[in-house]
């Protein structure tokens, strides 16, 4: 079955006490204001202002080491996971609404449902 995927966003995983301080830093560093009204801004998650045709940027508080990762959005999570496993990626954790994967080179990334407007613009199509 055919499905599509594209990069959804860049996530800054921050092992900090105050996620708002981390979000303010990244907002200033990247020139994108914090978007407190975004539905993704809640609890340990802060979204920066969306820009048309650009990746989303999210700041999130985590328990593991601080790092940066990408999310790949897709209209078929199981099909995208299977496609990436064939390329050598492995499932690190199955979450309720997304899958954390690990590339053969060790980087973690997430497979998520479609998040950004304009779907399927710029998405690759896979068989």
PDB file of N, CA and C in Angstrom:
ATOM      1  N   UNK A   1       0.841  -1.185   0.000  1.00  0.00           N
ATOM      2  CA  UNK A   1       0.000   0.000   0.000  1.00  0.00           C
ATOM      3  C   UNK A   1       0.886   1.248   0.000  1.00  0.00           C
ATOM      4  N   UNK A   2       0.491   2.247  -0.733  1.00  0.00           N
ATOM      5  CA  UNK A   2       1.244   3.491  -0.827  1.00  0.00           C
ATOM      6  C   UNK A   2       1.012   4.357   0.412  1.00  0.00           C
ATOM      7  N   UNK A   3       2.084   4.987   0.877  1.00  0.00           N
ATOM      8  CA  UNK A   3       1.954   5.961   1.953  1.00  0.00           C
ATOM      9  C   UNK A   3       2.932   7.098   1.689  1.00  0.00           C
ATOM     10  N   UNK A   4       2.827   8.168   2.484  1.00  0.00           N
ATOM     11  CA  UNK A   4       3.686   9.339   2.319  1.00  0.00           C
ATOM     12  C   UNK A   4       4.332   9.687   3.647  1.00  0.00           C
ATOM     13  N   UNK A   5       5.474  10.383   3.542  1.00  0.00           N
ATOM     14  CA  UNK A   5       6.131  10.894   4.754  1.00  0.00           C
ATOM     15  C   UNK A   5       6.974  12.110   4.404  1.00  0.00           C
ATOM     16  N   UNK A   6       7.237  12.928   5.417  1.00  0.00           N
ATOM     17  CA  UNK A   6       8.098  14.097   5.283  1.00  0.00           C
ATOM     18  C   UNK A   6       8.591  14.480   6.678  1.00  0.00           C
ATOM     19  N   UNK A   7       9.628  15.289   6.720  1.00  0.00           N
ATOM     20  CA  UNK A   7      10.088  15.789   8.020  1.00  0.00           C
ATOM     21  C   UNK A   7       9.015  16.713   8.567  1.00  0.00           C
ATOM     22  N   UNK A   8       8.622  16.467   9.797  1.00  0.00           N
ATOM     23  CA  UNK A   8       7.651  17.329  10.467  1.00  0.00           C
ATOM     24  C   UNK A   8       8.358  18.448  11.204  1.00  0.00           C
ATOM     25  N   UNK A   9       9.357  18.089  11.988  1.00  0.00           N
ATOM     26  CA  UNK A   9       9.963  19.122  12.802  1.00  0.00           C
ATOM     27  C   UNK A   9      11.248  18.718  13.464  1.00  0.00           C
ATOM     28  N   UNK A  10      11.831  19.714  14.075  1.00  0.00           N
ATOM     29  CA  UNK A  10      13.040  19.555  14.857  1.00  0.00           C
ATOM     30  C   UNK A  10      12.645  19.746  16.316  1.00  0.00           C
ATOM     31  N   UNK A  11      13.096  18.827  17.162  1.00  0.00           N
ATOM     32  CA  UNK A  11      12.763  18.888  18.577  1.00  0.00           C
ATOM     33  C   UNK A  11      14.025  19.035  19.407  1.00  0.00           C
ATOM     34  N   UNK A  12      13.997  19.981  20.322  1.00  0.00           N
ATOM     35  CA  UNK A  12      15.094  20.189  21.254  1.00  0.00           C
ATOM     36  C   UNK A  12      14.704  19.513  22.558  1.00  0.00           C
ATOM     37  N   UNK A  13      15.344  18.380  22.846  1.00  0.00           N
ATOM     38  CA  UNK A  13      15.111  17.629  24.081  1.00  0.00           C
ATOM     39  C   UNK A  13      15.966  18.276  25.162  1.00  0.00           C
ATOM     40  N   UNK A  14      15.321  18.793  26.188  1.00  0.00           N
ATOM     41  CA  UNK A  14      16.038  19.556  27.221  1.00  0.00           C
ATOM     42  C   UNK A  14      15.875  18.898  28.585  1.00  0.00           C
ATOM     43  N   UNK A  15      16.977  18.476  29.166  1.00  0.00           N
ATOM     44  CA  UNK A  15      16.969  17.916  30.512  1.00  0.00           C
ATOM     45  C   UNK A  15      17.190  19.084  31.468  1.00  0.00           C
ATOM     46  N   UNK A  16      16.074  19.777  31.778  1.00  0.00           N
ATOM     47  CA  UNK A  16      16.108  20.998  32.590  1.00  0.00           C
ATOM     48  C   UNK A  16      14.944  20.995  33.564  1.00  0.00           C
ATOM     49  N   UNK A  17      15.048  21.838  34.582  1.00  0.00           N
ATOM     50  CA  UNK A  17      13.937  22.007  35.514  1.00  0.00           C
ATOM     51  C   UNK A  17      12.850  22.910  34.933  1.00  0.00           C
ATOM     52  N   UNK A  18      13.257  23.977  34.228  1.00  0.00           N
ATOM     53  CA  UNK A  18      12.304  24.960  33.725  1.00  0.00           C
ATOM     54  C   UNK A  18      12.278  24.959  32.203  1.00  0.00           C
ATOM     55  N   UNK A  19      11.264  24.317  31.632  1.00  0.00           N
ATOM     56  CA  UNK A  19      11.157  24.234  30.178  1.00  0.00           C
ATOM     57  C   UNK A  19      10.898  25.606  29.567  1.00  0.00           C
ATOM     58  N   UNK A  20      10.252  26.494  30.303  1.00  0.00           N
ATOM     59  CA  UNK A  20       9.989  27.838  29.778  1.00  0.00           C
ATOM     60  C   UNK A  20      11.290  28.618  29.559  1.00  0.00           C
ATOM     61  N   UNK A  21      12.253  28.468  30.473  1.00  0.00           N
ATOM     62  CA  UNK A  21      13.560  29.116  30.275  1.00  0.00           C
ATOM     63  C   UNK A  21      14.249  28.566  29.027  1.00  0.00           C
ATOM     64  N   UNK A  22      14.202  27.249  28.844  1.00  0.00           N
ATOM     65  CA  UNK A  22      14.809  26.638  27.662  1.00  0.00           C
ATOM     66  C   UNK A  22      14.114  27.127  26.398  1.00  0.00           C
ATOM     67  N   UNK A  23      12.791  27.205  26.433  1.00  0.00           N
ATOM     68  CA  UNK A  23      12.029  27.665  25.269  1.00  0.00           C
ATOM     69  C   UNK A  23      12.360  29.119  24.944  1.00  0.00           C
ATOM     70  N   UNK A  24      12.498  29.957  25.954  1.00  0.00           N
ATOM     71  CA  UNK A  24      12.856  31.362  25.708  1.00  0.00           C
ATOM     72  C   UNK A  24      14.223  31.458  25.044  1.00  0.00           C
ATOM     73  N   UNK A  25      15.183  30.633  25.504  1.00  0.00           N
ATOM     74  CA  UNK A  25      16.505  30.648  24.884  1.00  0.00           C
ATOM     75  C   UNK A  25      16.403  30.302  23.406  1.00  0.00           C
ATOM     76  N   UNK A  26      15.752  29.156  23.084  1.00  0.00           N
ATOM     77  CA  UNK A  26      15.679  28.716  21.694  1.00  0.00           C
ATOM     78  C   UNK A  26      14.856  29.669  20.846  1.00  0.00           C
ATOM     79  N   UNK A  27      13.821  30.269  21.404  1.00  0.00           N
ATOM     80  CA  UNK A  27      13.028  31.258  20.664  1.00  0.00           C
ATOM     81  C   UNK A  27      13.908  32.438  20.245  1.00  0.00           C
ATOM     82  N   UNK A  28      14.707  32.929  21.180  1.00  0.00           N
ATOM     83  CA  UNK A  28      15.612  34.050  20.879  1.00  0.00           C
ATOM     84  C   UNK A  28      16.720  33.617  19.925  1.00  0.00           C
ATOM     85  N   UNK A  29      17.281  32.445  20.146  1.00  0.00           N
ATOM     86  CA  UNK A  29      18.389  31.973  19.312  1.00  0.00           C
ATOM     87  C   UNK A  29      17.947  31.771  17.865  1.00  0.00           C
ATOM     88  N   UNK A  30      16.711  31.308  17.663  1.00  0.00           N
ATOM     89  CA  UNK A  30      16.232  30.981  16.324  1.00  0.00           C
ATOM     90  C   UNK A  30      15.350  32.062  15.702  1.00  0.00           C
ATOM     91  N   UNK A  31      15.035  33.104  16.482  1.00  0.00           N
ATOM     92  CA  UNK A  31      14.197  34.170  15.954  1.00  0.00           C
ATOM     93  C   UNK A  31      12.759  33.759  15.700  1.00  0.00           C
ATOM     94  N   UNK A  32      12.267  32.833  16.507  1.00  0.00           N
ATOM     95  CA  UNK A  32      10.880  32.380  16.422  1.00  0.00           C
ATOM     96  C   UNK A  32      10.261  32.486  17.804  1.00  0.00           C
ATOM     97  N   UNK A  33       9.286  33.350  17.992  1.00  0.00           N
ATOM     98  CA  UNK A  33       8.668  33.496  19.317  1.00  0.00           C
ATOM     99  C   UNK A  33       7.995  32.209  19.796  1.00  0.00           C
ATOM    100  N   UNK A  34       7.894  32.067  21.105  1.00  0.00           N
ATOM    101  CA  UNK A  34       7.120  30.980  21.704  1.00  0.00           C
ATOM    102  C   UNK A  34       5.665  31.179  21.295  1.00  0.00           C
ATOM    103  N   UNK A  35       4.975  30.087  20.979  1.00  0.00           N
ATOM    104  CA  UNK A  35       3.567  30.143  20.607  1.00  0.00           C
ATOM    105  C   UNK A  35       2.745  29.489  21.716  1.00  0.00           C
ATOM    106  N   UNK A  36       2.354  30.279  22.744  1.00  0.00           N
ATOM    107  CA  UNK A  36       1.619  29.688  23.867  1.00  0.00           C
ATOM    108  C   UNK A  36       0.231  29.187  23.493  1.00  0.00           C
ATOM    109  N   UNK A  37      -0.347  29.660  22.385  1.00  0.00           N
ATOM    110  CA  UNK A  37      -1.675  29.232  21.969  1.00  0.00           C
ATOM    111  C   UNK A  37      -1.692  27.998  21.092  1.00  0.00           C
ATOM    112  N   UNK A  38      -0.521  27.488  20.731  1.00  0.00           N
ATOM    113  CA  UNK A  38      -0.452  26.288  19.881  1.00  0.00           C
ATOM    114  C   UNK A  38      -0.941  25.090  20.681  1.00  0.00           C
ATOM    115  N   UNK A  39      -1.751  24.204  20.065  1.00  0.00           N
ATOM    116  CA  UNK A  39      -2.235  23.036  20.814  1.00  0.00           C
ATOM    117  C   UNK A  39      -1.119  22.119  21.303  1.00  0.00           C
ATOM    118  N   UNK A  40       0.067  22.192  20.688  1.00  0.00           N
ATOM    119  CA  UNK A  40       1.193  21.376  21.133  1.00  0.00           C
ATOM    120  C   UNK A  40       1.911  21.948  22.347  1.00  0.00           C
ATOM    121  N   UNK A  41       1.608  23.207  22.726  1.00  0.00           N
ATOM    122  CA  UNK A  41       2.220  23.812  23.905  1.00  0.00           C
ATOM    123  C   UNK A  41       1.394  23.426  25.125  1.00  0.00           C
ATOM    124  N   UNK A  42       1.966  22.519  25.930  1.00  0.00           N
ATOM    125  CA  UNK A  42       1.283  22.050  27.139  1.00  0.00           C
ATOM    126  C   UNK A  42       2.277  21.280  27.985  1.00  0.00           C
ATOM    127  N   UNK A  43       2.215  21.436  29.285  1.00  0.00           N
ATOM    128  CA  UNK A  43       3.069  20.668  30.189  1.00  0.00           C
ATOM    129  C   UNK A  43       4.540  20.779  29.855  1.00  0.00           C
ATOM    130  N   UNK A  44       5.133  19.671  29.458  1.00  0.00           N
ATOM    131  CA  UNK A  44       6.561  19.608  29.161  1.00  0.00           C
ATOM    132  C   UNK A  44       6.908  19.993  27.723  1.00  0.00           C
ATOM    133  N   UNK A  45       5.950  20.505  26.981  1.00  0.00           N
ATOM    134  CA  UNK A  45       6.151  20.809  25.559  1.00  0.00           C
ATOM    135  C   UNK A  45       5.841  22.275  25.260  1.00  0.00           C
ATOM    136  N   UNK A  46       6.726  22.914  24.508  1.00  0.00           N
ATOM    137  CA  UNK A  46       6.518  24.301  24.085  1.00  0.00           C
ATOM    138  C   UNK A  46       6.794  24.384  22.586  1.00  0.00           C
ATOM    139  N   UNK A  47       5.830  24.910  21.849  1.00  0.00           N
ATOM    140  CA  UNK A  47       5.980  25.090  20.407  1.00  0.00           C
ATOM    141  C   UNK A  47       6.442  26.517  20.119  1.00  0.00           C
ATOM    142  N   UNK A  48       7.351  26.639  19.163  1.00  0.00           N
ATOM    143  CA  UNK A  48       7.711  27.957  18.677  1.00  0.00           C
ATOM    144  C   UNK A  48       6.792  28.303  17.510  1.00  0.00           C
ATOM    145  N   UNK A  49       6.741  29.559  17.149  1.00  0.00           N
ATOM    146  CA  UNK A  49       5.862  30.047  16.090  1.00  0.00           C
ATOM    147  C   UNK A  49       6.055  29.261  14.789  1.00  0.00           C
ATOM    148  N   UNK A  50       4.938  28.842  14.196  1.00  0.00           N
ATOM    149  CA  UNK A  50       4.990  28.156  12.909  1.00  0.00           C
ATOM    150  C   UNK A  50       5.243  29.166  11.804  1.00  0.00           C
ATOM    151  N   UNK A  51       5.918  28.695  10.758  1.00  0.00           N
ATOM    152  CA  UNK A  51       6.132  29.494   9.563  1.00  0.00           C
ATOM    153  C   UNK A  51       5.744  28.640   8.361  1.00  0.00           C
ATOM    154  N   UNK A  52       5.027  29.231   7.402  1.00  0.00           N
ATOM    155  CA  UNK A  52       4.595  28.448   6.236  1.00  0.00           C
ATOM    156  C   UNK A  52       5.785  27.779   5.544  1.00  0.00           C
ATOM    157  N   UNK A  53       5.593  26.515   5.188  1.00  0.00           N
ATOM    158  CA  UNK A  53       6.582  25.725   4.441  1.00  0.00           C
ATOM    159  C   UNK A  53       7.897  25.512   5.179  1.00  0.00           C
ATOM    160  N   UNK A  54       7.907  25.690   6.497  1.00  0.00           N
ATOM    161  CA  UNK A  54       9.096  25.390   7.301  1.00  0.00           C
ATOM    162  C   UNK A  54       8.742  24.342   8.335  1.00  0.00           C
ATOM    163  N   UNK A  55       9.750  23.643   8.810  1.00  0.00           N
ATOM    164  CA  UNK A  55       9.558  22.633   9.849  1.00  0.00           C
ATOM    165  C   UNK A  55       9.008  23.281  11.107  1.00  0.00           C
ATOM    166  N   UNK A  56       8.296  22.483  11.884  1.00  0.00           N
ATOM    167  CA  UNK A  56       7.902  22.944  13.216  1.00  0.00           C
ATOM    168  C   UNK A  56       9.108  22.815  14.137  1.00  0.00           C
ATOM    169  N   UNK A  57       9.115  23.621  15.186  1.00  0.00           N
ATOM    170  CA  UNK A  57      10.184  23.546  16.190  1.00  0.00           C
ATOM    171  C   UNK A  57       9.522  23.434  17.553  1.00  0.00           C
ATOM    172  N   UNK A  58       9.894  22.372  18.275  1.00  0.00           N
ATOM    173  CA  UNK A  58       9.314  22.110  19.588  1.00  0.00           C
ATOM    174  C   UNK A  58      10.426  21.966  20.612  1.00  0.00           C
ATOM    175  N   UNK A  59      10.199  22.529  21.770  1.00  0.00           N
ATOM    176  CA  UNK A  59      11.110  22.388  22.905  1.00  0.00           C
ATOM    177  C   UNK A  59      10.402  21.467  23.888  1.00  0.00           C
ATOM    178  N   UNK A  60      11.088  20.400  24.336  1.00  0.00           N
ATOM    179  CA  UNK A  60      10.434  19.489  25.267  1.00  0.00           C
ATOM    180  C   UNK A  60      11.352  19.117  26.419  1.00  0.00           C
ATOM    181  N   UNK A  61      10.749  19.024  27.604  1.00  0.00           N
ATOM    182  CA  UNK A  61      11.506  18.589  28.789  1.00  0.00           C
ATOM    183  C   UNK A  61      11.559  17.071  28.777  1.00  0.00           C
ATOM    184  N   UNK A  62      12.764  16.526  29.017  1.00  0.00           N
ATOM    185  CA  UNK A  62      12.980  15.078  28.987  1.00  0.00           C
ATOM    186  C   UNK A  62      13.775  14.634  30.208  1.00  0.00           C
ATOM    187  N   UNK A  63      13.764  13.317  30.458  1.00  0.00           N
ATOM    188  CA  UNK A  63      14.533  12.738  31.557  1.00  0.00           C
ATOM    189  C   UNK A  63      15.902  12.238  31.107  1.00  0.00           C
ATOM    190  N   UNK A  64      16.110  12.086  29.805  1.00  0.00           N
ATOM    191  CA  UNK A  64      17.397  11.619  29.285  1.00  0.00           C
ATOM    192  C   UNK A  64      18.297  12.820  28.981  1.00  0.00           C
ATOM    193  N   UNK A  65      19.473  12.564  28.444  1.00  0.00           N
ATOM    194  CA  UNK A  65      20.402  13.658  28.137  1.00  0.00           C
ATOM    195  C   UNK A  65      19.777  14.610  27.117  1.00  0.00           C
ATOM    196  N   UNK A  66      20.193  15.872  27.176  1.00  0.00           N
ATOM    197  CA  UNK A  66      19.728  16.862  26.206  1.00  0.00           C
ATOM    198  C   UNK A  66      20.307  16.525  24.835  1.00  0.00           C
ATOM    199  N   UNK A  67      19.485  16.693  23.810  1.00  0.00           N
ATOM    200  CA  UNK A  67      19.906  16.421  22.437  1.00  0.00           C
ATOM    201  C   UNK A  67      18.871  17.025  21.490  1.00  0.00           C
ATOM    202  N   UNK A  68      19.099  16.871  20.211  1.00  0.00           N
ATOM    203  CA  UNK A  68      18.174  17.325  19.178  1.00  0.00           C
ATOM    204  C   UNK A  68      17.772  16.113  18.359  1.00  0.00           C
ATOM    205  N   UNK A  69      16.496  16.041  17.975  1.00  0.00           N
ATOM    206  CA  UNK A  69      16.066  14.958  17.092  1.00  0.00           C
ATOM    207  C   UNK A  69      15.014  15.473  16.112  1.00  0.00           C
ATOM    208  N   UNK A  70      14.749  14.682  15.073  1.00  0.00           N
ATOM    209  CA  UNK A  70      13.701  15.047  14.122  1.00  0.00           C
ATOM    210  C   UNK A  70      12.502  14.133  14.299  1.00  0.00           C
ATOM    211  N   UNK A  71      11.352  14.643  13.871  1.00  0.00           N
ATOM    212  CA  UNK A  71      10.137  13.841  13.742  1.00  0.00           C
ATOM    213  C   UNK A  71       9.842  13.714  12.262  1.00  0.00           C
ATOM    214  N   UNK A  72       9.473  12.522  11.839  1.00  0.00           N
ATOM    215  CA  UNK A  72       9.007  12.280  10.486  1.00  0.00           C
ATOM    216  C   UNK A  72       7.510  12.040  10.588  1.00  0.00           C
ATOM    217  N   UNK A  73       6.719  12.863   9.879  1.00  0.00           N
ATOM    218  CA  UNK A  73       5.266  12.680   9.906  1.00  0.00           C
ATOM    219  C   UNK A  73       4.842  11.848   8.707  1.00  0.00           C
ATOM    220  N   UNK A  74       3.782  11.066   8.924  1.00  0.00           N
ATOM    221  CA  UNK A  74       3.331  10.143   7.878  1.00  0.00           C
ATOM    222  C   UNK A  74       1.832   9.906   7.989  1.00  0.00           C
ATOM    223  N   UNK A  75       1.245   9.502   6.870  1.00  0.00           N
ATOM    224  CA  UNK A  75      -0.170   9.146   6.875  1.00  0.00           C
ATOM    225  C   UNK A  75      -0.379   7.668   7.208  1.00  0.00           C
ATOM    226  N   UNK A  76       0.719   6.926   7.468  1.00  0.00           N
ATOM    227  CA  UNK A  76       0.620   5.503   7.820  1.00  0.00           C
ATOM    228  C   UNK A  76       1.836   5.124   8.670  1.00  0.00           C
ATOM    229  N   UNK A  77       1.719   5.248   9.975  1.00  0.00           N
ATOM    230  CA  UNK A  77       2.854   5.000  10.878  1.00  0.00           C
ATOM    231  C   UNK A  77       3.392   3.582  10.732  1.00  0.00           C
ATOM    232  N   UNK A  78       2.569   2.521  10.766  1.00  0.00           N
ATOM    233  CA  UNK A  78       3.129   1.169  10.633  1.00  0.00           C
ATOM    234  C   UNK A  78       3.887   0.965   9.311  1.00  0.00           C
ATOM    235  N   UNK A  79       3.370   1.514   8.217  1.00  0.00           N
ATOM    236  CA  UNK A  79       4.049   1.352   6.922  1.00  0.00           C
ATOM    237  C   UNK A  79       5.380   2.096   6.911  1.00  0.00           C
ATOM    238  N   UNK A  80       5.421   3.272   7.505  1.00  0.00           N
ATOM    239  CA  UNK A  80       6.673   4.037   7.539  1.00  0.00           C
ATOM    240  C   UNK A  80       7.698   3.348   8.431  1.00  0.00           C
ATOM    241  N   UNK A  81       7.273   2.824   9.572  1.00  0.00           N
ATOM    242  CA  UNK A  81       8.181   2.080  10.453  1.00  0.00           C
ATOM    243  C   UNK A  81       8.746   0.875   9.710  1.00  0.00           C
ATOM    244  N   UNK A  82       7.891   0.130   9.020  1.00  0.00           N
ATOM    245  CA  UNK A  82       8.348  -1.052   8.274  1.00  0.00           C
ATOM    246  C   UNK A  82       9.339  -0.657   7.179  1.00  0.00           C
ATOM    247  N   UNK A  83       9.069   0.441   6.473  1.00  0.00           N
ATOM    248  CA  UNK A  83       9.978   0.908   5.423  1.00  0.00           C
ATOM    249  C   UNK A  83      11.349   1.237   5.998  1.00  0.00           C
ATOM    250  N   UNK A  84      11.368   1.918   7.127  1.00  0.00           N
ATOM    251  CA  UNK A  84      12.636   2.317   7.743  1.00  0.00           C
ATOM    252  C   UNK A  84      13.368   1.123   8.354  1.00  0.00           C
ATOM    253  N   UNK A  85      12.627   0.140   8.868  1.00  0.00           N
ATOM    254  CA  UNK A  85      13.269  -1.083   9.358  1.00  0.00           C
ATOM    255  C   UNK A  85      13.987  -1.801   8.215  1.00  0.00           C
ATOM    256  N   UNK A  86      13.401  -1.806   7.034  1.00  0.00           N
ATOM    257  CA  UNK A  86      14.056  -2.432   5.873  1.00  0.00           C
ATOM    258  C   UNK A  86      15.360  -1.722   5.523  1.00  0.00           C
ATOM    259  N   UNK A  87      15.452  -0.431   5.878  1.00  0.00           N
ATOM    260  CA  UNK A  87      16.673   0.335   5.631  1.00  0.00           C
ATOM    261  C   UNK A  87      17.699   0.159   6.748  1.00  0.00           C
ATOM    262  N   UNK A  88      17.321  -0.565   7.811  1.00  0.00           N
ATOM    263  CA  UNK A  88      18.252  -0.837   8.894  1.00  0.00           C
ATOM    264  C   UNK A  88      17.952  -0.157  10.212  1.00  0.00           C
ATOM    265  N   UNK A  89      16.899   0.670  10.263  1.00  0.00           N
ATOM    266  CA  UNK A  89      16.512   1.309  11.528  1.00  0.00           C
ATOM    267  C   UNK A  89      15.853   0.264  12.434  1.00  0.00           C
ATOM    268  N   UNK A  90      15.853   0.536  13.721  1.00  0.00           N
ATOM    269  CA  UNK A  90      15.197  -0.350  14.683  1.00  0.00           C
ATOM    270  C   UNK A  90      14.224   0.458  15.538  1.00  0.00           C
ATOM    271  N   UNK A  91      13.217  -0.225  16.042  1.00  0.00           N
ATOM    272  CA  UNK A  91      12.269   0.414  16.955  1.00  0.00           C
ATOM    273  C   UNK A  91      12.901   0.467  18.333  1.00  0.00           C
ATOM    274  N   UNK A  92      12.961   1.650  18.884  1.00  0.00           N
ATOM    275  CA  UNK A  92      13.511   1.858  20.212  1.00  0.00           C
ATOM    276  C   UNK A  92      12.396   1.772  21.255  1.00  0.00           C
ATOM    277  N   UNK A  93      11.260   2.431  20.968  1.00  0.00           N
ATOM    278  CA  UNK A  93      10.097   2.406  21.879  1.00  0.00           C
ATOM    279  C   UNK A  93       8.826   2.644  21.095  1.00  0.00           C
ATOM    280  N   UNK A  94       7.835   1.862  21.376  1.00  0.00           N
ATOM    281  CA  UNK A  94       6.496   2.056  20.804  1.00  0.00           C
ATOM    282  C   UNK A  94       5.685   2.851  21.808  1.00  0.00           C
ATOM    283  N   UNK A  95       5.308   4.063  21.453  1.00  0.00           N
ATOM    284  CA  UNK A  95       4.503   4.914  22.331  1.00  0.00           C
ATOM    285  C   UNK A  95       3.040   4.787  21.901  1.00  0.00           C
ATOM    286  N   UNK A  96       2.156   5.435  22.639  1.00  0.00           N
ATOM    287  CA  UNK A  96       0.732   5.348  22.316  1.00  0.00           C
ATOM    288  C   UNK A  96       0.419   5.941  20.938  1.00  0.00           C
ATOM    289  N   UNK A  97       1.019   7.110  20.617  1.00  0.00           N
ATOM    290  CA  UNK A  97       0.684   7.787  19.357  1.00  0.00           C
ATOM    291  C   UNK A  97       1.863   7.977  18.418  1.00  0.00           C
ATOM    292  N   UNK A  98       3.041   7.476  18.759  1.00  0.00           N
ATOM    293  CA  UNK A  98       4.202   7.607  17.888  1.00  0.00           C
ATOM    294  C   UNK A  98       5.180   6.487  18.179  1.00  0.00           C
ATOM    295  N   UNK A  99       6.213   6.391  17.334  1.00  0.00           N
ATOM    296  CA  UNK A  99       7.225   5.351  17.491  1.00  0.00           C
ATOM    297  C   UNK A  99       8.593   6.021  17.519  1.00  0.00           C
ATOM    298  N   UNK A 100       9.393   5.683  18.520  1.00  0.00           N
ATOM    299  CA  UNK A 100      10.769   6.160  18.605  1.00  0.00           C
ATOM    300  C   UNK A 100      11.638   5.113  17.914  1.00  0.00           C
ATOM    301  N   UNK A 101      12.430   5.575  16.938  1.00  0.00           N
ATOM    302  CA  UNK A 101      13.284   4.653  16.187  1.00  0.00           C
ATOM    303  C   UNK A 101      14.736   5.073  16.349  1.00  0.00           C
ATOM    304  N   UNK A 102      15.620   4.168  15.959  1.00  0.00           N
ATOM    305  CA  UNK A 102      17.054   4.443  15.993  1.00  0.00           C
ATOM    306  C   UNK A 102      17.627   4.106  14.618  1.00  0.00           C
ATOM    307  N   UNK A 103      18.329   5.075  14.041  1.00  0.00           N
ATOM    308  CA  UNK A 103      18.989   4.867  12.750  1.00  0.00           C
ATOM    309  C   UNK A 103      20.151   3.899  12.926  1.00  0.00           C
ATOM    310  N   UNK A 104      20.597   3.255  11.845  1.00  0.00           N
ATOM    311  CA  UNK A 104      21.751   2.362  11.961  1.00  0.00           C
ATOM    312  C   UNK A 104      22.987   3.073  12.520  1.00  0.00           C
ATOM    313  N   UNK A 105      23.058   4.387  12.338  1.00  0.00           N
ATOM    314  CA  UNK A 105      24.197   5.169  12.841  1.00  0.00           C
ATOM    315  C   UNK A 105      24.000   5.637  14.281  1.00  0.00           C
ATOM    316  N   UNK A 106      22.863   5.270  14.912  1.00  0.00           N
ATOM    317  CA  UNK A 106      22.667   5.523  16.326  1.00  0.00           C
ATOM    318  C   UNK A 106      21.733   6.663  16.702  1.00  0.00           C
ATOM    319  N   UNK A 107      21.407   7.565  15.779  1.00  0.00           N
ATOM    320  CA  UNK A 107      20.530   8.675  16.128  1.00  0.00           C
ATOM    321  C   UNK A 107      19.093   8.199  16.337  1.00  0.00           C
ATOM    322  N   UNK A 108      18.454   8.778  17.336  1.00  0.00           N
ATOM    323  CA  UNK A 108      17.035   8.502  17.569  1.00  0.00           C
ATOM    324  C   UNK A 108      16.209   9.526  16.796  1.00  0.00           C
ATOM    325  N   UNK A 109      15.027   9.093  16.352  1.00  0.00           N
ATOM    326  CA  UNK A 109      14.071   9.970  15.688  1.00  0.00           C
ATOM    327  C   UNK A 109      12.692   9.373  15.904  1.00  0.00           C
ATOM    328  N   UNK A 110      11.651  10.158  15.648  1.00  0.00           N
ATOM    329  CA  UNK A 110      10.291   9.687  15.897  1.00  0.00           C
ATOM    330  C   UNK A 110       9.473   9.669  14.618  1.00  0.00           C
ATOM    331  N   UNK A 111       8.567   8.703  14.546  1.00  0.00           N
ATOM    332  CA  UNK A 111       7.592   8.620  13.479  1.00  0.00           C
ATOM    333  C   UNK A 111       6.253   9.014  14.104  1.00  0.00           C
ATOM    334  N   UNK A 112       5.637  10.055  13.553  1.00  0.00           N
ATOM    335  CA  UNK A 112       4.409  10.617  14.122  1.00  0.00           C
ATOM    336  C   UNK A 112       3.329  10.719  13.044  1.00  0.00           C
ATOM    337  N   UNK A 113       2.086  10.879  13.482  1.00  0.00           N
ATOM    338  CA  UNK A 113       0.997  11.106  12.533  1.00  0.00           C
ATOM    339  C   UNK A 113       1.174  12.499  11.923  1.00  0.00           C
ATOM    340  N   UNK A 114       0.455  12.801  10.864  1.00  0.00           N
ATOM    341  CA  UNK A 114       0.554  14.097  10.204  1.00  0.00           C
ATOM    342  C   UNK A 114       0.264  15.205  11.212  1.00  0.00           C
ATOM    343  N   UNK A 115       1.153  16.201  11.261  1.00  0.00           N
ATOM    344  CA  UNK A 115       1.058  17.288  12.225  1.00  0.00           C
ATOM    345  C   UNK A 115       0.885  18.662  11.567  1.00  0.00           C
ATOM    346  N   UNK A 116       1.644  18.902  10.501  1.00  0.00           N
ATOM    347  CA  UNK A 116       1.670  20.244   9.906  1.00  0.00           C
ATOM    348  C   UNK A 116       0.608  20.425   8.843  1.00  0.00           C
ATOM    349  N   UNK A 117       0.190  21.660   8.656  1.00  0.00           N
ATOM    350  CA  UNK A 117      -0.738  22.003   7.584  1.00  0.00           C
ATOM    351  C   UNK A 117      -0.077  21.782   6.231  1.00  0.00           C
ATOM    352  N   UNK A 118      -0.887  21.724   5.201  1.00  0.00           N
ATOM    353  CA  UNK A 118      -0.380  21.621   3.850  1.00  0.00           C
ATOM    354  C   UNK A 118      -0.070  20.209   3.397  1.00  0.00           C
ATOM    355  N   UNK A 119      -0.444  19.219   4.198  1.00  0.00           N
ATOM    356  CA  UNK A 119      -0.194  17.824   3.835  1.00  0.00           C
ATOM    357  C   UNK A 119      -0.890  17.525   2.525  1.00  0.00           C
ATOM    358  N   UNK A 120      -0.285  16.872   1.561  1.00  0.00           N
ATOM    359  CA  UNK A 120       1.001  16.200   1.559  1.00  0.00           C
ATOM    360  C   UNK A 120       2.116  16.971   0.857  1.00  0.00           C
ATOM    361  N   UNK A 121       2.024  18.288   0.806  1.00  0.00           N
ATOM    362  CA  UNK A 121       3.060  19.085   0.133  1.00  0.00           C
ATOM    363  C   UNK A 121       4.437  18.705   0.649  1.00  0.00           C
ATOM    364  N   UNK A 122       5.372  18.479  -0.270  1.00  0.00           N
ATOM    365  CA  UNK A 122       6.764  18.123   0.012  1.00  0.00           C
ATOM    366  C   UNK A 122       6.940  16.735   0.623  1.00  0.00           C
ATOM    367  N   UNK A 123       5.874  15.930   0.646  1.00  0.00           N
ATOM    368  CA  UNK A 123       6.000  14.566   1.184  1.00  0.00           C
ATOM    369  C   UNK A 123       6.462  13.621   0.070  1.00  0.00           C
ATOM    370  N   UNK A 124       7.301  12.665   0.447  1.00  0.00           N
ATOM    371  CA  UNK A 124       7.708  11.605  -0.482  1.00  0.00           C
ATOM    372  C   UNK A 124       6.633  10.528  -0.477  1.00  0.00           C
ATOM    373  N   UNK A 125       6.448   9.885  -1.624  1.00  0.00           N
ATOM    374  CA  UNK A 125       5.479   8.797  -1.746  1.00  0.00           C
ATOM    375  C   UNK A 125       6.243   7.486  -1.816  1.00  0.00           C
ATOM    376  N   UNK A 126       5.799   6.514  -1.028  1.00  0.00           N
ATOM    377  CA  UNK A 126       6.457   5.204  -0.929  1.00  0.00           C
ATOM    378  C   UNK A 126       5.469   4.104  -1.253  1.00  0.00           C
ATOM    379  N   UNK A 127       5.969   3.060  -1.888  1.00  0.00           N
ATOM    380  CA  UNK A 127       5.136   1.879  -2.176  1.00  0.00           C
ATOM    381  C   UNK A 127       5.379   0.804  -1.170  1.00  0.00           C
TER     382      UNK A 127
END
